[in-house]
Amino acid sequence: MARFKDRREAGQLLAQKLSNYANDPDLIVVALARGGVPVGFEVAKALNAPLDILVVRKLGMPRDTEVAMGAIANDETRVLDDEFIALLRISDDVIEAVTAKEKQELKRREIAYRSEAPPLRVTGLKCILVDDGSATGLTMKAAIAALRQQSPAKIIVALPTAPPSAYNELRSLADEVVALMTPFLFFSVARWYKIFGQISDQQVQQLYQESKHLKEFRNSALQEARFGASP
């Protein structure tokens, strides 16, 4: 049974659980592209925080890309499900071929989404890492590993839904994990949404740009509150 109307509603509900981080000047919301961006946009807007994007790619099986054997977050970060790989006897050649292919797509999306924006920087910041859900935890693990390289002050994983297994694994890697629901009978992330269509590159770009405009508006309003409106 669906619990969320869509990703944006899930983000609004998630923001309520994260309200203690509102208006923190050292906070940044990082959304996993593509599905996590509408969720992260609502979280960032509600908490009055900047939004940035992290591109993460699942390493799917060659004959069934929906079945994940790992994930990558950038050229240096790769997480593999060693148990699953050993069980199915997946060769190193297959893993490397899939990784190379997904690295190309990751780079394409980085260029498409970020355009001329500077690279993601989270050093010394409290970082809320958002996705639309997590079935295996693999993409979120890759995201955490990528951000750890930059020494953030804190990593808070925020998810509308995840099974207990993924939730518990992520708790061992992040400083804090916030999930709205952790159903034992999980099946898939899509099951918990009434509307769960694919998010397009254009939607990601639009929300990312809109978040920048919100930031500029907040900064302008803050200056006005401090020093008064210009004559």
Protein backbone atom coordinates (compact mmCIF):
# COMPACT_ATOMS: atom_id res chain seq x y z
CA MET A 1 0.00 0.00 0.00
CA ALA A 2 1.42 3.39 -1.04
CA ARG A 3 2.36 5.75 1.78
CA PHE A 4 3.50 8.75 -0.25
CA LYS A 5 1.70 10.60 -3.04
CA ASP A 6 4.99 11.33 -4.84
CA ARG A 7 8.64 12.15 -4.18
CA ARG A 8 7.96 15.77 -3.31
CA GLU A 9 5.43 14.84 -0.64
CA ALA A 10 7.94 12.34 0.74
CA GLY A 11 10.50 15.15 0.93
CA GLN A 12 8.10 17.41 2.79
CA LEU A 13 7.38 14.68 5.35
CA LEU A 14 11.07 13.89 5.67
CA ALA A 15 11.85 17.55 6.32
CA GLN A 16 9.52 17.48 9.33
CA LYS A 17 11.64 14.71 10.86
CA LEU A 18 14.76 16.79 10.22
CA SER A 19 13.41 20.09 11.56
CA ASN A 20 16.13 20.30 14.23
CA TYR A 21 18.57 21.09 11.41
CA ALA A 22 16.56 24.05 10.07
CA ASN A 23 18.45 27.32 9.50
CA ASP A 24 21.82 25.77 10.35
CA PRO A 25 24.46 27.82 8.46
CA ASP A 26 26.77 24.80 8.31
CA LEU A 27 24.17 22.53 6.68
CA ILE A 28 23.99 21.28 3.10
CA VAL A 29 21.46 18.90 1.54
CA VAL A 30 22.92 16.52 -1.05
CA ALA A 31 20.42 14.66 -3.22
CA LEU A 32 21.23 11.49 -5.14
CA ALA A 33 20.40 11.98 -8.79
CA ARG A 34 18.01 11.36 -10.28
CA GLY A 35 15.25 10.05 -8.00
CA GLY A 36 16.48 11.73 -4.84
CA VAL A 37 16.46 15.24 -6.30
CA PRO A 38 12.72 16.04 -5.91
CA VAL A 39 12.90 14.66 -2.35
CA GLY A 40 16.05 16.62 -1.54
CA PHE A 41 14.65 19.81 -3.07
CA GLU A 42 11.74 19.79 -0.61
CA VAL A 43 14.04 18.98 2.32
CA ALA A 44 16.42 21.82 1.43
CA LYS A 45 13.57 24.29 0.93
CA ALA A 46 11.95 23.44 4.27
CA LEU A 47 15.23 23.54 6.21
CA ASN A 48 16.42 26.74 4.53
CA ALA A 49 19.56 24.98 3.32
CA PRO A 50 21.48 24.88 0.03
CA LEU A 51 20.92 21.90 -2.25
CA ASP A 52 23.57 20.08 -4.21
CA ILE A 53 23.54 16.92 -6.31
CA LEU A 54 25.60 13.74 -6.23
CA VAL A 55 25.44 11.41 -9.22
CA VAL A 56 25.52 7.74 -8.20
CA ARG A 57 25.18 4.81 -10.59
CA LYS A 58 24.03 1.31 -9.78
CA LEU A 59 26.16 -1.51 -11.21
CA GLY A 60 23.47 -3.78 -12.60
CA MET A 61 23.73 -7.31 -13.86
CA PRO A 62 24.32 -7.43 -17.65
CA ARG A 63 21.10 -9.38 -18.30
CA ASP A 64 19.03 -7.64 -15.64
CA THR A 65 20.19 -4.12 -14.88
CA GLU A 66 17.67 -3.75 -12.05
CA VAL A 67 19.56 -6.37 -10.02
CA ALA A 68 22.49 -4.57 -8.42
CA MET A 69 25.90 -6.04 -7.73
CA GLY A 70 27.38 -2.71 -6.66
CA ALA A 71 27.40 1.05 -7.17
CA ILE A 72 29.77 3.89 -8.06
CA ALA A 73 29.74 7.52 -7.00
CA ASN A 74 32.78 8.82 -8.87
CA ASP A 75 35.98 7.54 -10.46
CA GLU A 76 37.49 6.69 -7.08
CA THR A 77 34.47 5.29 -5.25
CA ARG A 78 33.02 1.85 -5.90
CA VAL A 79 31.04 -0.39 -3.56
CA LEU A 80 30.51 -4.06 -4.44
CA ASP A 81 28.19 -6.68 -2.97
CA ASP A 82 30.92 -9.30 -2.54
CA GLU A 83 28.54 -11.96 -1.19
CA PHE A 84 26.19 -11.61 -4.15
CA ILE A 85 29.08 -11.58 -6.63
CA ALA A 86 30.58 -14.74 -5.12
CA LEU A 87 27.21 -16.50 -5.01
CA LEU A 88 26.57 -15.90 -8.72
CA ARG A 89 30.25 -16.28 -9.67
CA ILE A 90 30.34 -12.98 -11.50
CA SER A 91 33.73 -12.57 -13.16
CA ASP A 92 36.06 -9.61 -12.70
CA ASP A 93 35.81 -8.95 -16.44
CA VAL A 94 32.04 -8.52 -16.19
CA ILE A 95 32.35 -6.25 -13.15
CA GLU A 96 34.95 -4.05 -14.86
CA ALA A 97 32.96 -3.85 -18.10
CA VAL A 98 29.80 -2.76 -16.27
CA THR A 99 31.81 -0.30 -14.16
CA ALA A 100 33.39 1.28 -17.25
CA LYS A 101 30.01 1.68 -18.91
CA GLU A 102 28.42 3.26 -15.84
CA LYS A 103 31.37 5.62 -15.36
CA GLN A 104 30.67 7.03 -18.81
CA GLU A 105 27.01 7.61 -17.93
CA LEU A 106 27.99 9.10 -14.57
CA LYS A 107 30.27 11.61 -16.29
CA ARG A 108 27.58 12.48 -18.83
CA ARG A 109 25.09 13.22 -16.07
CA GLU A 110 27.62 15.22 -14.05
CA ILE A 111 28.15 17.50 -17.05
CA ALA A 112 24.42 17.70 -17.82
CA TYR A 113 23.32 18.52 -14.26
CA ARG A 114 26.13 20.68 -12.96
CA SER A 115 26.88 22.57 -16.20
CA GLU A 116 29.29 25.29 -15.05
CA ALA A 117 28.58 24.86 -11.33
CA PRO A 118 31.65 24.17 -9.16
CA PRO A 119 32.25 20.61 -7.91
CA LEU A 120 30.37 19.43 -4.84
CA ARG A 121 32.17 20.45 -1.63
CA VAL A 122 31.08 19.30 1.84
CA THR A 123 34.28 19.64 3.88
CA GLY A 124 33.44 20.69 7.44
CA LEU A 125 29.69 20.77 6.75
CA LYS A 126 26.78 18.82 8.18
CA CYS A 127 25.53 16.92 5.17
CA ILE A 128 22.00 15.51 4.78
CA LEU A 129 22.23 12.83 2.10
CA VAL A 130 18.83 12.23 0.51
CA ASP A 131 17.36 9.61 -1.82
CA ASP A 132 13.80 8.53 -2.64
CA GLY A 133 14.36 5.20 -0.88
CA SER A 134 16.88 2.41 -0.61
CA ALA A 135 16.23 -1.27 -1.34
CA THR A 136 19.76 -2.66 -0.94
CA GLY A 137 21.64 0.35 0.40
CA LEU A 138 24.36 0.00 -2.25
CA THR A 139 23.96 3.39 -3.94
CA MET A 140 23.75 5.14 -0.58
CA LYS A 141 26.87 3.30 0.62
CA ALA A 142 28.75 4.58 -2.43
CA ALA A 143 27.47 8.09 -1.75
CA ILE A 144 28.60 7.97 1.88
CA ALA A 145 32.03 6.69 0.86
CA ALA A 146 32.39 9.49 -1.70
CA LEU A 147 31.46 12.21 0.80
CA ARG A 148 33.72 10.78 3.53
CA GLN A 149 36.69 11.57 1.28
CA GLN A 150 35.94 15.28 1.83
CA SER A 151 35.76 15.07 5.66
CA PRO A 152 32.29 16.49 6.33
CA ALA A 153 31.47 17.33 9.94
CA LYS A 154 28.54 14.91 9.90
CA ILE A 155 26.63 12.72 7.44
CA ILE A 156 22.90 12.30 8.01
CA VAL A 157 21.23 9.81 5.66
CA ALA A 158 17.59 10.70 5.05
CA LEU A 159 15.22 8.26 3.34
CA PRO A 160 11.44 8.06 3.01
CA THR A 161 11.62 4.26 3.06
CA ALA A 162 14.10 1.39 3.37
CA PRO A 163 13.97 -2.22 4.58
CA PRO A 164 15.41 -2.94 8.05
CA SER A 165 18.48 -4.66 6.54
CA ALA A 166 19.52 -1.59 4.52
CA TYR A 167 18.61 0.77 7.37
CA ASN A 168 20.81 -1.09 9.85
CA GLU A 169 23.75 -1.31 7.44
CA LEU A 170 23.59 2.41 6.73
CA ARG A 171 23.51 3.19 10.45
CA SER A 172 26.96 1.62 10.73
CA LEU A 173 28.32 3.94 8.01
CA ALA A 174 26.58 7.28 8.55
CA ASP A 175 26.54 9.44 11.68
CA GLU A 176 22.74 9.39 11.69
CA VAL A 177 20.01 7.73 9.63
CA VAL A 178 16.48 9.11 9.44
CA ALA A 179 13.84 6.97 7.70
CA LEU A 180 10.09 7.58 7.69
CA MET A 181 9.35 3.86 7.43
CA THR A 182 11.32 0.61 7.47
CA PRO A 183 8.84 -2.13 6.48
CA PHE A 184 9.98 -5.73 6.82
CA LEU A 185 8.04 -6.73 3.67
CA PHE A 186 9.69 -4.14 1.46
CA PHE A 187 9.66 -5.51 -2.13
CA SER A 188 10.68 -2.25 -3.85
CA VAL A 189 10.93 1.52 -3.35
CA ALA A 190 8.22 2.13 -5.98
CA ARG A 191 5.66 0.17 -3.97
CA TRP A 192 5.44 2.94 -1.36
CA TYR A 193 4.59 5.72 -3.83
CA LYS A 194 1.34 6.39 -5.68
CA ILE A 195 3.29 8.24 -8.39
CA PHE A 196 6.81 6.96 -9.05
CA GLY A 197 7.69 7.81 -12.62
CA GLN A 198 11.22 8.18 -13.95
CA ILE A 199 12.82 11.54 -13.23
CA SER A 200 14.27 13.09 -16.38
CA ASP A 201 17.55 14.95 -16.80
CA GLN A 202 15.50 18.07 -17.49
CA GLN A 203 13.63 17.77 -14.18
CA VAL A 204 16.91 17.40 -12.30
CA GLN A 205 18.34 20.47 -14.03
CA GLN A 206 15.19 22.48 -13.36
CA LEU A 207 15.08 21.67 -9.64
CA TYR A 208 18.80 22.31 -9.25
CA GLN A 209 18.49 25.73 -10.88
CA GLU A 210 15.37 26.53 -8.85
CA SER A 211 17.24 25.69 -5.65
CA LYS A 212 19.94 28.21 -6.61
CA HIS A 213 17.31 30.92 -7.11
CA LEU A 214 15.83 30.10 -3.70
CA LYS A 215 19.30 30.46 -2.17
CA GLU A 216 19.80 33.85 -3.82
CA PHE A 217 16.37 34.98 -2.58
CA ARG A 218 17.16 33.83 0.98
CA ASN A 219 20.51 35.63 0.96
CA SER A 220 18.89 38.80 -0.34
CA ALA A 221 16.16 38.64 2.31
CA LEU A 222 18.76 38.06 5.02
CA GLN A 223 20.78 41.09 3.92
CA GLU A 224 17.63 43.19 3.88
CA ALA A 225 16.68 42.05 7.38
CA ARG A 226 20.15 42.90 8.69
CA PHE A 227 20.78 46.22 6.99
CA GLY A 228 17.39 47.38 5.77
CA ALA A 229 16.10 47.76 2.24
CA SER A 230 18.10 49.84 -0.21
CA PRO A 231 16.64 53.33 -0.74
